[in-house]
Amino acid sequence: MPRVLSIREDYVLTIIRLMGSMGIMKTTLDIHDDLLTRAKRHAQETRRPLRAVVEEGLRLVLSKETCPEPYVLPDLSYGGPEIHDPLAAYTWPELRDIIYGEGSEP
């Protein structure tokens, strides 16, 4: 037989159902202690819940439309096309054997 909920339990379940329909989702975040302390202090000073401060921070970061330039590796290759690559003659298994001392250079 199902348990009858008290008025308080029924109210809590109703709030959770409403939260789900409004798109509010609970999650757990690991936040550095210093940052969390500062955020809590800011929330208290502005008389807002910590959730509102965190949401505002996320909105601010996510609203930036500029994406950083993709990192391009510098060309540190040695020589030019006229330089002979001494490793080009080897297959990968041969190179592996040479590196680990299991073979000899052909």
C-alpha atoms as a PDB file:
ATOM      1  CA  MET A   1       0.000   0.000   0.000  1.00  0.00           C
ATOM      2  CA  PRO A   2       1.493   3.384  -0.962  1.00  0.00           C
ATOM      3  CA  ARG A   3       2.433   5.704   1.856  1.00  0.00           C
ATOM      4  CA  VAL A   4       0.294   8.832   2.239  1.00  0.00           C
ATOM      5  CA  LEU A   5       2.424  11.961   1.986  1.00  0.00           C
ATOM      6  CA  SER A   6       2.158  14.695   4.543  1.00  0.00           C
ATOM      7  CA  ILE A   7       1.238  18.184   3.376  1.00  0.00           C
ATOM      8  CA  ARG A   8       4.918  19.257   3.711  1.00  0.00           C
ATOM      9  CA  GLU A   9       6.199  16.295   1.667  1.00  0.00           C
ATOM     10  CA  ASP A  10       3.551  16.874  -0.985  1.00  0.00           C
ATOM     11  CA  TYR A  11       4.568  20.561  -1.169  1.00  0.00           C
ATOM     12  CA  VAL A  12       8.257  19.652  -1.613  1.00  0.00           C
ATOM     13  CA  LEU A  13       7.431  17.161  -4.364  1.00  0.00           C
ATOM     14  CA  THR A  14       5.303  19.782  -6.109  1.00  0.00           C
ATOM     15  CA  ILE A  15       8.185  22.295  -6.012  1.00  0.00           C
ATOM     16  CA  ILE A  16      10.590  19.724  -7.437  1.00  0.00           C
ATOM     17  CA  ARG A  17       8.134  18.936 -10.225  1.00  0.00           C
ATOM     18  CA  LEU A  18       7.751  22.667 -10.992  1.00  0.00           C
ATOM     19  CA  MET A  19      11.519  23.162 -10.967  1.00  0.00           C
ATOM     20  CA  GLY A  20      11.883  20.369 -13.495  1.00  0.00           C
ATOM     21  CA  SER A  21       9.331  21.952 -15.801  1.00  0.00           C
ATOM     22  CA  MET A  22      11.069  25.365 -15.570  1.00  0.00           C
ATOM     23  CA  GLY A  23      14.380  23.982 -16.746  1.00  0.00           C
ATOM     24  CA  ILE A  24      16.145  24.245 -13.388  1.00  0.00           C
ATOM     25  CA  MET A  25      18.514  21.371 -12.813  1.00  0.00           C
ATOM     26  CA  LYS A  26      20.584  20.516  -9.772  1.00  0.00           C
ATOM     27  CA  THR A  27      24.235  19.669 -10.206  1.00  0.00           C
ATOM     28  CA  THR A  28      27.397  19.432  -8.144  1.00  0.00           C
ATOM     29  CA  LEU A  29      30.459  21.528  -8.911  1.00  0.00           C
ATOM     30  CA  ASP A  30      33.952  21.455  -7.458  1.00  0.00           C
ATOM     31  CA  ILE A  31      34.910  25.079  -6.845  1.00  0.00           C
ATOM     32  CA  HIS A  32      38.211  26.247  -5.383  1.00  0.00           C
ATOM     33  CA  ASP A  33      37.727  27.245  -1.722  1.00  0.00           C
ATOM     34  CA  ASP A  34      38.948  30.820  -2.232  1.00  0.00           C
ATOM     35  CA  LEU A  35      36.655  31.377  -5.202  1.00  0.00           C
ATOM     36  CA  LEU A  36      33.658  29.946  -3.360  1.00  0.00           C
ATOM     37  CA  THR A  37      34.360  32.154  -0.332  1.00  0.00           C
ATOM     38  CA  ARG A  38      34.532  35.227  -2.565  1.00  0.00           C
ATOM     39  CA  ALA A  39      31.328  34.238  -4.379  1.00  0.00           C
ATOM     40  CA  LYS A  40      29.475  33.705  -1.094  1.00  0.00           C
ATOM     41  CA  ARG A  41      30.701  37.069   0.195  1.00  0.00           C
ATOM     42  CA  HIS A  42      29.575  38.752  -3.034  1.00  0.00           C
ATOM     43  CA  ALA A  43      26.181  37.045  -2.815  1.00  0.00           C
ATOM     44  CA  GLN A  44      25.763  38.233   0.764  1.00  0.00           C
ATOM     45  CA  GLU A  45      26.843  41.797  -0.052  1.00  0.00           C
ATOM     46  CA  THR A  46      24.450  41.993  -3.002  1.00  0.00           C
ATOM     47  CA  ARG A  47      21.701  40.187  -1.081  1.00  0.00           C
ATOM     48  CA  ARG A  48      21.310  37.515  -3.712  1.00  0.00           C
ATOM     49  CA  PRO A  49      21.461  33.734  -3.498  1.00  0.00           C
ATOM     50  CA  LEU A  50      24.743  32.080  -4.412  1.00  0.00           C
ATOM     51  CA  ARG A  51      22.936  30.346  -7.275  1.00  0.00           C
ATOM     52  CA  ALA A  52      22.155  33.749  -8.842  1.00  0.00           C
ATOM     53  CA  VAL A  53      25.803  34.835  -8.583  1.00  0.00           C
ATOM     54  CA  VAL A  54      27.017  31.603 -10.202  1.00  0.00           C
ATOM     55  CA  GLU A  55      24.404  31.867 -12.970  1.00  0.00           C
ATOM     56  CA  GLU A  56      25.393  35.484 -13.642  1.00  0.00           C
ATOM     57  CA  GLY A  57      29.047  34.479 -13.912  1.00  0.00           C
ATOM     58  CA  LEU A  58      28.246  31.671 -16.330  1.00  0.00           C
ATOM     59  CA  ARG A  59      26.067  33.951 -18.456  1.00  0.00           C
ATOM     60  CA  LEU A  60      28.838  36.549 -18.562  1.00  0.00           C
ATOM     61  CA  VAL A  61      31.465  34.042 -19.685  1.00  0.00           C
ATOM     62  CA  LEU A  62      29.174  32.337 -22.193  1.00  0.00           C
ATOM     63  CA  SER A  63      27.965  35.626 -23.705  1.00  0.00           C
ATOM     64  CA  LYS A  64      31.431  36.520 -24.968  1.00  0.00           C
ATOM     65  CA  GLU A  65      31.252  35.967 -28.701  1.00  0.00           C
ATOM     66  CA  THR A  66      34.956  36.234 -29.339  1.00  0.00           C
ATOM     67  CA  CYS A  67      36.708  32.917 -29.508  1.00  0.00           C
ATOM     68  CA  PRO A  68      40.419  32.829 -28.891  1.00  0.00           C
ATOM     69  CA  GLU A  69      42.602  32.337 -31.931  1.00  0.00           C
ATOM     70  CA  PRO A  70      43.426  28.675 -32.396  1.00  0.00           C
ATOM     71  CA  TYR A  71      46.978  27.883 -31.389  1.00  0.00           C
ATOM     72  CA  VAL A  72      49.253  27.152 -34.322  1.00  0.00           C
ATOM     73  CA  LEU A  73      52.354  25.137 -33.637  1.00  0.00           C
ATOM     74  CA  PRO A  74      55.493  26.923 -34.763  1.00  0.00           C
ATOM     75  CA  ASP A  75      57.430  25.252 -37.556  1.00  0.00           C
ATOM     76  CA  LEU A  76      60.523  23.906 -35.816  1.00  0.00           C
ATOM     77  CA  SER A  77      61.458  21.511 -38.552  1.00  0.00           C
ATOM     78  CA  TYR A  78      65.137  21.216 -39.402  1.00  0.00           C
ATOM     79  CA  GLY A  79      66.492  21.747 -42.888  1.00  0.00           C
ATOM     80  CA  GLY A  80      64.505  21.854 -46.068  1.00  0.00           C
ATOM     81  CA  PRO A  81      63.246  19.533 -48.762  1.00  0.00           C
ATOM     82  CA  GLU A  82      66.798  18.995 -50.030  1.00  0.00           C
ATOM     83  CA  ILE A  83      67.863  17.473 -46.692  1.00  0.00           C
ATOM     84  CA  HIS A  84      67.609  13.673 -46.664  1.00  0.00           C
ATOM     85  CA  ASP A  85      65.537  12.264 -43.783  1.00  0.00           C
ATOM     86  CA  PRO A  86      67.616   9.456 -42.289  1.00  0.00           C
ATOM     87  CA  LEU A  87      64.535   7.842 -40.752  1.00  0.00           C
ATOM     88  CA  ALA A  88      62.502   7.683 -43.955  1.00  0.00           C
ATOM     89  CA  ALA A  89      64.013   4.334 -44.942  1.00  0.00           C
ATOM     90  CA  TYR A  90      62.748   2.582 -41.796  1.00  0.00           C
ATOM     91  CA  THR A  91      59.339   1.103 -41.078  1.00  0.00           C
ATOM     92  CA  TRP A  92      57.771   1.731 -37.692  1.00  0.00           C
ATOM     93  CA  PRO A  93      58.615  -1.764 -36.368  1.00  0.00           C
ATOM     94  CA  GLU A  94      62.231  -1.272 -37.445  1.00  0.00           C
ATOM     95  CA  LEU A  95      62.414   2.122 -35.743  1.00  0.00           C
ATOM     96  CA  ARG A  96      60.893   0.678 -32.587  1.00  0.00           C
ATOM     97  CA  ASP A  97      63.464  -2.116 -32.547  1.00  0.00           C
ATOM     98  CA  ILE A  98      66.307   0.396 -32.985  1.00  0.00           C
ATOM     99  CA  ILE A  99      64.951   2.695 -30.263  1.00  0.00           C
ATOM    100  CA  TYR A 100      64.615  -0.134 -27.759  1.00  0.00           C
ATOM    101  CA  GLY A 101      67.902  -1.731 -28.773  1.00  0.00           C
ATOM    102  CA  GLU A 102      66.355  -4.903 -30.142  1.00  0.00           C
ATOM    103  CA  GLY A 103      67.682  -4.576 -33.646  1.00  0.00           C
ATOM    104  CA  SER A 104      70.476  -3.128 -35.605  1.00  0.00           C
ATOM    105  CA  GLU A 105      70.496  -0.482 -38.268  1.00  0.00           C
ATOM    106  CA  PRO A 106      70.136  -1.998 -41.772  1.00  0.00           C
END
